[in-house]
Protein backbone atom coordinates (compact mmCIF):
# COMPACT_ATOMS: atom_id res chain seq x y z
CA MET A 1 -53.86 80.96 94.10
CA ALA A 2 -57.06 79.32 95.12
CA THR A 3 -57.76 78.50 98.73
CA ALA A 4 -58.82 75.22 100.17
CA SER A 5 -62.12 76.44 100.92
CA SER A 6 -62.89 78.02 97.44
CA GLN A 7 -61.71 74.52 95.83
CA ALA A 8 -64.03 72.79 98.27
CA GLY A 9 -67.03 74.96 97.28
CA TYR A 10 -66.07 74.29 93.49
CA HIS A 11 -66.18 70.65 94.07
CA ARG A 12 -69.56 70.72 95.76
CA ARG A 13 -70.94 72.74 92.68
CA VAL A 14 -69.28 70.23 90.34
CA LEU A 15 -70.90 67.30 92.14
CA LYS A 16 -74.23 69.20 92.14
CA LEU A 17 -74.08 69.68 88.46
CA LEU A 18 -73.22 66.09 87.81
CA LEU A 19 -76.37 65.07 89.83
CA ILE A 20 -78.40 67.43 87.94
CA SER A 21 -77.07 66.01 84.53
CA VAL A 22 -77.74 62.57 85.51
CA LEU A 23 -81.37 63.48 86.50
CA PHE A 24 -81.81 65.45 83.30
CA ALA A 25 -80.68 62.48 81.17
CA THR A 26 -82.83 60.01 83.28
CA PHE A 27 -86.10 61.79 83.19
CA LEU A 28 -86.28 64.76 80.73
CA LEU A 29 -84.70 63.23 77.71
CA PRO A 30 -87.06 60.29 77.58
CA ALA A 31 -89.98 62.76 78.14
CA ALA A 32 -89.14 64.82 75.34
CA ALA A 33 -88.52 61.79 73.10
CA ALA A 34 -92.00 60.45 74.02
CA SER A 35 -93.62 63.42 72.35
CA GLY A 36 -93.06 61.93 68.84
CA LYS A 37 -95.82 60.71 66.77
CA LYS A 38 -94.39 57.36 65.78
CA PRO A 39 -93.43 55.20 68.69
CA LEU A 40 -90.57 53.52 66.98
CA ASN A 41 -88.84 56.77 66.05
CA ALA A 42 -89.52 58.18 69.59
CA LEU A 43 -87.77 55.07 71.10
CA ARG A 44 -84.77 55.44 68.67
CA ALA A 45 -84.53 59.16 69.54
CA MET A 46 -84.67 58.47 73.29
CA LEU A 47 -82.21 55.79 73.04
CA THR A 48 -79.85 57.84 70.95
CA SER A 49 -80.20 60.68 73.43
CA MET A 50 -79.39 58.62 76.35
CA LEU A 51 -76.41 57.08 74.70
CA LEU A 52 -74.95 60.35 74.02
CA ALA A 53 -75.70 61.75 77.42
CA GLU A 54 -74.01 58.75 78.90
CA LEU A 55 -71.02 59.04 76.79
CA ALA A 56 -70.76 62.71 77.62
CA TYR A 57 -70.98 61.83 81.15
CA ALA A 58 -68.38 59.06 81.09
CA PHE A 59 -65.98 61.54 79.13
CA PHE A 60 -66.41 64.21 81.73
CA LEU A 61 -65.79 61.79 84.55
CA ARG A 62 -62.68 60.15 82.88
CA PHE A 63 -60.94 63.30 81.45
CA ILE A 64 -62.23 66.40 83.34
CA TYR A 65 -63.50 65.48 86.97
CA TRP A 66 -60.32 63.76 88.07
CA ARG A 67 -58.29 66.63 87.35
CA PHE A 68 -60.08 68.67 90.00
CA GLN A 69 -59.39 66.44 92.85
């Protein structure tokens, strides 16, 4: 059985990973898409990757994160 302190530590780690994932989606995905030769294709790749990252984030918050509280 998990203790309250170990659950609090886990909760802090999950919140830290959520912050890192938001930073990753905000800065690194557009930077990676900007390396494309054609600007329109790079824009499409960036918008697609941002959409997928936001959907994954919303899925995680809705179905997984709330179970750990």
